[in-house]
Structure formats: structure tokens, C-alpha cells
């Protein structure tokens, strides 16, 4: 495609006597399959696209049963539009398109406007969303392919073309493009309810939060820090992670809970091998209190079965018994390398690997019990005033807001 900065709507020659317009054609997958709730899902997706593109020269966002159209005032905004749409869950792909009148001659002219240098090989892919057009998709491909071959001398290659000319017929006209950008997929954030994600600052928990956002949830983030008994490095990392996750949900609320004093009281009452498990039970109780305040329906952790001693099946069961709220574990069946690969892909890895001192490193023994039972942990907790410790932690909690864009 020619440089979009040189193809603003005011500079392109009219096609078939009509002014051409630039639009981003947005495709979505699962959203269109939600029978009975399709309008709700599409409405949320449109609002999310509008929020993501706030401040850019966008005329309007229109949505149809199978497509969304972002009408641009200036195609020069495309690089920024492209970057922002990559964060919007519910989108499976999108293209910068030249909209022309619904005739083959207009599509031929659009090809020359979009392609500056003839490619060595090409293919034409047509989609007839408007069934009133007299030709089928295959007939359109053959007609345009024959024209391009004769006009440019390029050879047809339907398997590995150097360039693909995409033509989509909609009631609004023909939308022509030479690129399809993959989107993140998933469901629009705001269609899946609210969850509270425990965010440690490590590699796993941001990936777990990302996965819940991708399934349409809004995530409240809860971080536990031992500050001031340790430094604030993990807290600082979670601020950056919260800002990055806000790119997908537009607003991230981060609760930073100072757990150090609670940990000190656990240490004097609980055998060393069980400290981590007791910390985790207290974290779930505190996170549940925050979650209920925020209207969340579940807790989310980055636990992976057997990854560390505290994440054996026995220990997960024993720890989860402390809360009455469902605990979702999106990473439960992944190994560490799979989680690392996903963290790299979503852009959280470089933050997560920065050195820090998180709360699970404070007053931790060299060995952790790999088996426990709810009964055993409850017996140890009987030496503590659990309710008072939850209230203490909640009283030492700070809240920060992060917004995007």
C-alpha cells in the first residue's frame, strides 16, 4: 500500500465521480456468535473501539452484524489507529480500506490508488457481504484478477502471493485494501463480569490477568507488599503492569495491601514450613473483601499446578478453603516456559523480570510444606485473630487508578 500519510481523503482523486473515503474495516469472531446477546456484545465492542481511539481524527464508529466500520477523517491517523486497535479484545482482524462506489470499475481504480509498484505476484480475495451485488465472490476475484494481470504484468499466485488485494462488498460500498492486520481476538472487556486478580509483580500473575481480560472480564488488581519491611520494588513493578493492562480495559484500579505486619504475627504463631500457605490464605481473605467491595464475582491467581511447593494440588485445596469466593486459575495447566512465552508476547515479561522483593520473600523459611489439609491450617489459624488481621491489612491499603489512552 502507498504511504497512508500521502493518501488523505482530501488528496485522493474521486473514483467514478464520487469522493473516496478511508475506513478501517474491523472483523470480529466470537462476538457475532452470541445468539440472544449479540447486540449487547457488539454495543460493548463499539464503545471499546471508541474509547481506544479517543482523541484521534475519527468521524464515527458504525457496527453491523458482521463488521464494524471506523470512518477516518484523515488516513494519516492509520499508524496510531492500528496500534491502538491491537489492544481491543473482541477484534480478530482489521484493515485500512479505501471505500469506493459498488462497481468493478471503481475497484479497479482503487487498486491503482493503493498499489504504487506492481508486485511480482498477486492474488485477489473477495467477500460479498452485500448479496445484492450481481457477481459472486469467485466471479469478482476472476474479473479483477484478469484486469490486474493484464494491467500490471504481475503473475497470479493464489498460494504465496507477494501482494493480496482484498475486496469486500458491503451496503456502504466496496472496501479495498492490501493488508489484513490480526487482532487480539477474545471477547470485549466488559461483557464477562468483574474479577479481582492477585498481582504479584512476577511473570505469572500478569498473564493470568491478561487472559481474564481477553475473556471479557474487567479486572481489579490486588497487590500484596511487605513494605516498609522490604523495599517498594514489587509495588513499583505492579504500577507499571497495571498501566500496561489498562491498555486492554482502559482503566485499571490497583490496590496495594501492606501485609508485613500480618506476616510478622503469622511467623510467631505458625510453624515455619506452613508460613507461605498461611500468607496465601490471608491474601485470599483480604482479596475477597476487596472483591466484594468492588462487585467482583471471582478471584484470579497466576498459580500453575506443581510449579512450586506451595502450588501442589493438596496445598491449592487447603489454601482455597479460606475463601467462599470462586478462585479462577487461567494458567493451571501451563508449564513455566509456556507462561514465559505468553508474557513475552503480551509485553509484560520485561517488567516482570526486573529484580524485586515481593511479600512472599519476606520471613520465608528455606522449605515449604508440599502437603497440607484445610483442617491442619485451620487449627494453626485458631492461634490468630484472623478477622482482626484482615481488618488491619485493609486499613493499610492504598488505591491507584491507571487510564488509557
Protein backbone atom coordinates (compact mmCIF):
# COMPACT_ATOMS: atom_id res chain seq x y z
CA UNK A 1 0.00 0.00 0.00
CA UNK A 2 1.12 3.54 -0.63
CA UNK A 3 2.09 5.57 2.40
CA UNK A 4 -1.17 6.48 4.14
CA UNK A 5 0.18 9.92 5.03
CA UNK A 6 0.04 10.77 1.30
CA UNK A 7 -3.45 9.35 0.82
CA UNK A 8 -5.69 11.54 2.92
CA UNK A 9 -9.29 11.76 1.79
CA UNK A 10 -8.81 15.32 0.54
CA UNK A 11 -5.90 14.33 -1.70
CA UNK A 12 -7.23 11.23 -3.46
CA UNK A 13 -8.83 11.74 -6.87
CA UNK A 14 -12.57 10.95 -6.88
CA UNK A 15 -13.48 7.50 -8.18
CA UNK A 16 -16.46 7.06 -10.52
CA UNK A 17 -17.44 10.64 -9.82
CA UNK A 18 -17.69 10.10 -6.06
CA UNK A 19 -15.19 11.12 -3.38
CA UNK A 20 -13.38 8.17 -1.89
CA UNK A 21 -13.29 7.69 1.86
CA UNK A 22 -10.94 5.94 4.23
CA UNK A 23 -12.32 3.49 6.75
CA UNK A 24 -10.91 0.79 8.98
CA UNK A 25 -12.88 -2.40 8.45
CA UNK A 26 -12.97 -4.35 11.71
CA UNK A 27 -13.77 -8.06 11.80
CA UNK A 28 -14.90 -9.92 14.90
CA UNK A 29 -15.42 -13.59 15.65
CA UNK A 30 -16.98 -14.83 18.88
CA UNK A 31 -18.99 -11.64 19.34
CA UNK A 32 -21.10 -12.45 16.29
CA UNK A 33 -21.86 -15.94 17.63
CA UNK A 34 -23.52 -14.82 20.87
CA UNK A 35 -27.12 -15.57 19.98
CA UNK A 36 -29.54 -13.68 22.16
CA UNK A 37 -26.77 -11.38 23.40
CA UNK A 38 -25.23 -10.29 20.09
CA UNK A 39 -26.47 -6.70 20.28
CA UNK A 40 -25.11 -6.32 23.81
CA UNK A 41 -21.70 -7.68 22.85
CA UNK A 42 -21.48 -5.58 19.69
CA UNK A 43 -22.52 -2.47 21.59
CA UNK A 44 -19.76 -3.02 24.15
CA UNK A 45 -17.24 -3.64 21.36
CA UNK A 46 -18.20 -0.40 19.63
CA UNK A 47 -17.83 1.57 22.86
CA UNK A 48 -14.44 -0.03 23.50
CA UNK A 49 -13.26 0.88 20.00
CA UNK A 50 -14.45 4.45 20.51
CA UNK A 51 -12.58 4.64 23.82
CA UNK A 52 -9.42 3.19 22.32
CA UNK A 53 -9.45 5.75 19.50
CA UNK A 54 -10.31 8.77 21.67
CA UNK A 55 -8.51 11.91 20.55
CA UNK A 56 -7.82 10.66 17.02
CA UNK A 57 -9.42 12.06 13.83
CA UNK A 58 -12.23 9.51 13.71
CA UNK A 59 -15.53 10.66 12.24
CA UNK A 60 -17.62 7.85 13.68
CA UNK A 61 -17.73 4.16 14.52
CA UNK A 62 -20.57 2.15 12.99
CA UNK A 63 -21.28 -1.50 13.70
CA UNK A 64 -23.14 -4.12 11.68
CA UNK A 65 -24.00 -7.77 12.44
CA UNK A 66 -20.70 -8.98 10.97
CA UNK A 67 -18.46 -5.92 10.63
CA UNK A 68 -17.51 -2.67 12.29
CA UNK A 69 -16.54 0.44 10.31
CA UNK A 70 -14.24 3.12 11.72
CA UNK A 71 -14.62 6.10 9.40
CA UNK A 72 -11.46 8.21 9.38
CA UNK A 73 -11.27 11.93 8.78
CA UNK A 74 -7.64 11.52 7.76
CA UNK A 75 -5.81 8.35 6.73
CA UNK A 76 -2.64 9.79 8.22
CA UNK A 77 -4.03 8.63 11.58
CA UNK A 78 -3.78 4.98 10.48
CA UNK A 79 -0.46 4.11 12.22
CA UNK A 80 -1.82 5.22 15.59
CA UNK A 81 -5.24 3.67 14.92
CA UNK A 82 -3.54 0.42 14.00
CA UNK A 83 -1.51 0.38 17.21
CA UNK A 84 -4.46 1.15 19.46
CA UNK A 85 -6.85 -1.37 17.91
CA UNK A 86 -4.28 -4.10 18.62
CA UNK A 87 -5.27 -3.75 22.30
CA UNK A 88 -9.04 -4.13 21.87
CA UNK A 89 -10.30 -7.61 22.73
CA UNK A 90 -13.12 -8.88 20.54
CA UNK A 91 -11.37 -7.89 17.30
CA UNK A 92 -10.00 -10.74 15.18
CA UNK A 93 -8.64 -8.55 12.39
CA UNK A 94 -8.82 -5.14 10.73
CA UNK A 95 -7.74 -3.34 7.58
CA UNK A 96 -7.28 0.21 6.35
CA UNK A 97 -9.63 0.36 3.36
CA UNK A 98 -10.38 2.68 0.52
CA UNK A 99 -14.15 2.84 0.20
CA UNK A 100 -15.33 3.29 -3.38
CA UNK A 101 -18.71 3.03 -5.16
CA UNK A 102 -20.06 -0.52 -5.69
CA UNK A 103 -18.77 -1.14 -9.22
CA UNK A 104 -15.92 -3.23 -10.61
CA UNK A 105 -14.53 -0.17 -12.38
CA UNK A 106 -14.28 1.63 -9.03
CA UNK A 107 -12.46 -1.38 -7.55
CA UNK A 108 -10.01 -1.35 -10.48
CA UNK A 109 -9.24 2.32 -9.88
CA UNK A 110 -8.84 1.64 -6.17
CA UNK A 111 -6.16 -0.95 -6.93
CA UNK A 112 -4.03 1.66 -8.71
CA UNK A 113 -4.52 4.14 -5.88
CA UNK A 114 -3.41 1.58 -3.29
CA UNK A 115 -0.55 -0.13 -5.12
CA UNK A 116 2.32 2.11 -6.22
CA UNK A 117 4.62 -0.60 -7.63
CA UNK A 118 3.30 -3.72 -9.37
CA UNK A 119 4.15 -6.82 -7.32
CA UNK A 120 5.86 -9.87 -8.76
CA UNK A 121 2.81 -11.94 -7.86
CA UNK A 122 -0.64 -11.26 -6.52
CA UNK A 123 -4.00 -12.73 -5.52
CA UNK A 124 -7.47 -11.25 -5.22
CA UNK A 125 -9.69 -12.18 -2.29
CA UNK A 126 -13.29 -11.03 -2.39
CA UNK A 127 -16.03 -11.18 0.22
CA UNK A 128 -19.58 -10.34 -0.81
CA UNK A 129 -21.27 -9.07 2.33
CA UNK A 130 -23.88 -7.35 0.17
CA UNK A 131 -25.67 -10.20 -1.62
CA UNK A 132 -27.46 -7.80 -3.96
CA UNK A 133 -24.27 -7.35 -5.98
CA UNK A 134 -24.76 -9.22 -9.28
CA UNK A 135 -21.48 -11.19 -9.21
CA UNK A 136 -20.41 -13.90 -6.77
CA UNK A 137 -17.20 -13.61 -4.75
CA UNK A 138 -15.42 -16.02 -7.12
CA UNK A 139 -16.57 -14.07 -10.19
CA UNK A 140 -15.34 -10.82 -8.67
CA UNK A 141 -11.95 -12.41 -7.98
CA UNK A 142 -11.66 -13.65 -11.57
CA UNK A 143 -12.71 -10.34 -13.11
CA UNK A 144 -10.36 -8.22 -11.00
CA UNK A 145 -7.54 -10.77 -11.23
CA UNK A 146 -7.65 -10.77 -15.02
CA UNK A 147 -7.63 -6.98 -15.09
CA UNK A 148 -4.68 -6.65 -12.70
CA UNK A 149 -2.70 -9.30 -14.57
CA UNK A 150 -3.17 -7.51 -17.89
CA UNK A 151 -2.63 -4.02 -16.49
CA UNK A 152 0.46 -4.73 -14.37
CA UNK A 153 2.05 -7.81 -15.87
CA UNK A 154 2.12 -9.44 -12.43
CA UNK A 155 1.57 -13.17 -12.25
CA UNK A 156 -1.23 -14.79 -10.28
CA UNK A 157 -0.18 -16.80 -7.22
CA UNK A 158 -3.02 -17.98 -5.03
CA UNK A 159 -0.76 -19.78 -2.54
CA UNK A 160 2.07 -17.39 -1.65
CA UNK A 161 1.38 -14.07 -3.36
CA UNK A 162 3.65 -11.10 -2.78
CA UNK A 163 0.53 -8.94 -2.53
CA UNK A 164 -3.11 -9.73 -1.84
CA UNK A 165 -5.79 -7.33 -3.00
CA UNK A 166 -8.76 -7.62 -0.63
CA UNK A 167 -12.18 -6.55 -1.85
CA UNK A 168 -15.19 -6.52 0.45
CA UNK A 169 -18.65 -5.59 -0.74
CA UNK A 170 -20.94 -4.04 1.85
CA UNK A 171 -24.12 -1.93 1.53
CA UNK A 172 -21.91 1.13 2.11
CA UNK A 173 -19.80 0.35 -0.97
CA UNK A 174 -16.69 -1.63 -1.87
CA UNK A 175 -13.87 -1.63 0.68
CA UNK A 176 -10.45 -2.25 -0.88
CA UNK A 177 -7.22 -2.98 0.98
CA UNK A 178 -3.88 -4.72 0.65
CA UNK A 179 -3.34 -5.79 4.25
CA UNK A 180 -5.24 -7.59 6.98
CA UNK A 181 -3.90 -6.92 10.47
CA UNK A 182 -4.58 -9.69 13.02
CA UNK A 183 -6.39 -8.58 16.16
CA UNK A 184 -6.09 -9.99 19.68
CA UNK A 185 -9.36 -11.97 19.49
CA UNK A 186 -11.33 -12.84 22.59
CA UNK A 187 -14.42 -11.05 23.90
CA UNK A 188 -14.95 -7.33 24.54
CA UNK A 189 -13.87 -6.25 28.01
CA UNK A 190 -16.99 -5.50 29.99
CA UNK A 191 -19.05 -8.48 28.82
CA UNK A 192 -17.69 -11.06 31.27
CA UNK A 193 -18.23 -9.52 34.71
CA UNK A 194 -15.68 -8.25 37.23
CA UNK A 195 -12.89 -10.24 38.86
CA UNK A 196 -10.17 -9.41 41.38
CA UNK A 197 -6.72 -10.51 40.22
CA UNK A 198 -3.91 -11.07 42.70
CA UNK A 199 -0.93 -9.34 41.06
CA UNK A 200 2.49 -10.21 42.46
CA UNK A 201 4.78 -8.45 40.01
CA UNK A 202 6.21 -11.77 38.83
CA UNK A 203 5.80 -13.42 35.44
CA UNK A 204 2.67 -15.47 36.04
CA UNK A 205 0.00 -13.21 37.52
CA UNK A 206 0.02 -10.53 34.76
CA UNK A 207 -0.50 -13.30 32.20
CA UNK A 208 -3.42 -14.65 34.24
CA UNK A 209 -4.95 -11.16 34.40
CA UNK A 210 -4.46 -10.71 30.65
CA UNK A 211 -6.25 -13.98 29.96
CA UNK A 212 -9.25 -12.91 32.02
CA UNK A 213 -9.41 -9.58 30.20
CA UNK A 214 -9.35 -11.50 26.93
CA UNK A 215 -12.44 -13.41 28.05
CA UNK A 216 -14.30 -10.15 28.56
CA UNK A 217 -13.76 -9.60 32.29
CA UNK A 218 -12.89 -6.33 33.96
CA UNK A 219 -10.06 -6.87 36.43
CA UNK A 220 -9.46 -5.14 39.74
CA UNK A 221 -5.81 -5.67 40.64
CA UNK A 222 -4.71 -6.53 44.19
CA UNK A 223 -1.02 -6.44 45.11
CA UNK A 224 0.44 -7.50 48.46
CA UNK A 225 3.63 -5.83 49.61
CA UNK A 226 5.75 -6.19 52.74
CA UNK A 227 6.78 -2.54 52.51
CA UNK A 228 8.18 -0.88 54.66
CA UNK A 229 9.80 -4.09 55.98
CA UNK A 230 11.09 -4.61 52.43
CA UNK A 231 11.67 -2.13 49.63
CA UNK A 232 8.86 -0.99 47.33
CA UNK A 233 10.28 -2.59 44.16
CA UNK A 234 7.44 -5.08 43.65
CA UNK A 235 4.90 -2.30 44.20
CA UNK A 236 6.61 -0.15 41.55
CA UNK A 237 6.56 -3.08 39.11
CA UNK A 238 2.86 -3.62 39.70
CA UNK A 239 2.19 0.03 38.91
CA UNK A 240 3.81 -0.47 35.51
CA UNK A 241 1.95 -3.75 34.97
CA UNK A 242 -1.35 -2.10 35.92
CA UNK A 243 -0.67 0.62 33.37
CA UNK A 244 0.02 -1.98 30.68
CA UNK A 245 -3.12 -3.95 31.49
CA UNK A 246 -5.10 -0.71 31.27
CA UNK A 247 -4.40 -0.74 27.54
CA UNK A 248 -6.95 -3.53 27.30
CA UNK A 249 -9.55 -2.41 29.85
CA UNK A 250 -8.98 1.38 29.65
CA UNK A 251 -9.00 1.76 33.44
CA UNK A 252 -7.07 -0.32 35.96
CA UNK A 253 -7.59 0.03 39.69
CA UNK A 254 -4.65 -1.21 41.75
CA UNK A 255 -5.00 -2.00 45.45
CA UNK A 256 -1.66 -2.17 47.25
CA UNK A 257 -2.07 -4.03 50.55
CA UNK A 258 0.70 -3.73 53.16
CA UNK A 259 0.94 -7.26 54.51
CA UNK A 260 4.16 -7.01 56.53
CA UNK A 261 2.61 -6.68 59.99
CA UNK A 262 0.21 -9.55 59.27
CA UNK A 263 3.17 -11.68 58.24
CA UNK A 264 5.05 -10.86 61.42
CA UNK A 265 2.14 -12.09 63.53
CA UNK A 266 1.82 -15.27 61.48
CA UNK A 267 5.53 -16.01 61.95
CA UNK A 268 5.26 -16.16 65.74
CA UNK A 269 2.18 -18.42 65.68
CA UNK A 270 2.74 -20.84 62.78
CA UNK A 271 5.44 -23.47 62.11
CA UNK A 272 7.93 -22.23 59.53
CA UNK A 273 7.04 -24.79 56.83
CA UNK A 274 3.43 -23.56 56.75
CA UNK A 275 4.04 -19.81 56.65
CA UNK A 276 3.63 -19.40 52.90
CA UNK A 277 0.34 -21.29 52.99
CA UNK A 278 -0.92 -19.11 55.82
CA UNK A 279 0.16 -15.99 53.96
CA UNK A 280 -1.79 -17.22 50.94
CA UNK A 281 -4.93 -17.90 52.97
CA UNK A 282 -4.79 -14.40 54.42
CA UNK A 283 -4.26 -12.93 50.95
CA UNK A 284 -7.35 -14.68 49.64
CA UNK A 285 -9.45 -13.41 52.55
CA UNK A 286 -8.21 -9.85 52.09
CA UNK A 287 -8.64 -10.02 48.31
CA UNK A 288 -12.16 -11.37 48.80
CA UNK A 289 -13.05 -8.41 51.00
CA UNK A 290 -11.78 -6.04 48.30
CA UNK A 291 -13.51 -8.04 45.58
CA UNK A 292 -16.89 -7.87 47.28
CA UNK A 293 -16.47 -4.14 47.78
CA UNK A 294 -15.76 -3.82 44.04
CA UNK A 295 -18.64 -6.03 42.91
CA UNK A 296 -16.37 -8.82 41.68
CA UNK A 297 -17.65 -12.37 41.31
CA UNK A 298 -14.37 -14.31 41.48
CA UNK A 299 -10.71 -14.13 42.44
CA UNK A 300 -7.94 -14.83 39.91
CA UNK A 301 -4.42 -16.08 40.61
CA UNK A 302 -1.43 -16.96 38.45
CA UNK A 303 -0.94 -20.37 40.04
CA UNK A 304 0.23 -23.30 37.93
CA UNK A 305 -0.18 -26.82 39.27
CA UNK A 306 3.06 -28.10 40.80
CA UNK A 307 5.19 -25.16 39.68
CA UNK A 308 6.40 -24.51 43.25
CA UNK A 309 5.92 -26.31 46.56
CA UNK A 310 3.00 -24.13 47.64
CA UNK A 311 1.13 -24.95 44.41
CA UNK A 312 0.67 -28.70 44.80
CA UNK A 313 -2.91 -29.88 44.49
CA UNK A 314 -3.14 -30.53 48.24
CA UNK A 315 -1.93 -27.04 49.03
CA UNK A 316 -4.15 -25.33 46.48
CA UNK A 317 -7.18 -27.06 48.00
CA UNK A 318 -6.11 -26.26 51.56
CA UNK A 319 -5.46 -22.59 50.78
CA UNK A 320 -8.60 -22.03 48.72
CA UNK A 321 -10.76 -23.25 51.61
CA UNK A 322 -10.13 -19.88 53.29
CA UNK A 323 -12.41 -18.06 50.85
CA UNK A 324 -16.04 -18.52 49.86
CA UNK A 325 -15.46 -16.84 46.51
CA UNK A 326 -14.52 -18.87 43.39
CA UNK A 327 -10.79 -18.84 42.60
CA UNK A 328 -10.01 -18.93 38.88
CA UNK A 329 -6.56 -20.09 37.74
CA UNK A 330 -6.14 -19.45 33.99
CA UNK A 331 -2.59 -20.85 33.99
CA UNK A 332 -3.22 -24.00 36.00
CA UNK A 333 -2.21 -26.42 33.21
CA UNK A 334 0.67 -24.43 31.68
CA UNK A 335 4.35 -25.02 32.35
CA UNK A 336 6.77 -22.18 33.06
CA UNK A 337 8.14 -21.95 29.54
CA UNK A 338 4.64 -21.61 28.11
CA UNK A 339 3.86 -18.84 30.58
CA UNK A 340 7.12 -17.04 29.79
CA UNK A 341 6.40 -17.23 26.06
CA UNK A 342 2.99 -15.67 26.58
CA UNK A 343 4.40 -12.96 28.87
CA UNK A 344 6.88 -12.04 26.13
CA UNK A 345 4.12 -11.92 23.54
CA UNK A 346 1.81 -9.65 25.56
CA UNK A 347 4.59 -7.31 26.67
CA UNK A 348 4.72 -7.92 30.43
CA UNK A 349 7.84 -10.10 30.61
CA UNK A 350 10.42 -7.30 30.59
CA UNK A 351 8.72 -5.69 33.59
CA UNK A 352 8.15 -8.94 35.47
CA UNK A 353 11.81 -9.99 35.37
CA UNK A 354 13.07 -6.79 36.99
CA UNK A 355 14.54 -7.61 40.42
CA UNK A 356 12.23 -7.00 43.34
CA UNK A 357 11.39 -8.02 46.88
CA UNK A 358 7.83 -9.28 46.99
CA UNK A 359 5.89 -10.21 50.10
CA UNK A 360 6.42 -13.96 49.65
CA UNK A 361 10.16 -13.41 50.09
CA UNK A 362 9.68 -11.76 53.48
CA UNK A 363 10.16 -14.04 56.50
CA UNK A 364 10.09 -17.15 54.33
CA UNK A 365 11.67 -20.43 55.52
CA UNK A 366 14.02 -22.46 53.30
CA UNK A 367 11.44 -25.25 52.91
CA UNK A 368 7.70 -25.15 52.31
CA UNK A 369 5.27 -27.95 53.19
CA UNK A 370 4.18 -29.63 49.96
CA UNK A 371 1.13 -31.25 51.56
CA UNK A 372 -1.43 -29.80 53.91
CA UNK A 373 -5.12 -30.01 54.69
CA UNK A 374 -7.75 -27.38 55.41
CA UNK A 375 -8.18 -28.86 58.88
CA UNK A 376 -4.48 -28.58 59.68
CA UNK A 377 -4.30 -24.95 58.52
CA UNK A 378 -7.49 -24.02 60.36
CA UNK A 379 -6.01 -25.45 63.55
CA UNK A 380 -2.96 -23.19 63.16
CA UNK A 381 -5.17 -20.20 62.40
CA UNK A 382 -7.02 -20.72 65.68
CA UNK A 383 -3.96 -19.13 67.33
CA UNK A 384 -4.61 -15.91 65.39
CA UNK A 385 -7.38 -13.34 65.34
CA UNK A 386 -8.00 -13.77 61.62
CA UNK A 387 -10.77 -11.18 61.33
CA UNK A 388 -8.65 -8.55 63.07
CA UNK A 389 -5.71 -9.28 60.76
CA UNK A 390 -7.90 -8.87 57.68
CA UNK A 391 -9.15 -5.53 59.04
CA UNK A 392 -5.58 -4.48 59.81
CA UNK A 393 -4.45 -5.20 56.25
CA UNK A 394 -7.44 -3.42 54.74
CA UNK A 395 -6.69 -0.36 56.86
CA UNK A 396 -3.17 -0.30 55.38
CA UNK A 397 -4.26 -0.40 51.75
CA UNK A 398 -3.69 2.23 49.08
CA UNK A 399 -5.59 2.56 45.80
CA UNK A 400 -4.29 3.93 42.50
CA UNK A 401 -6.02 4.43 39.15
CA UNK A 402 -4.46 3.95 35.71
CA UNK A 403 -6.14 5.06 32.47
CA UNK A 404 -5.52 4.52 28.76
CA UNK A 405 -5.26 6.07 26.26
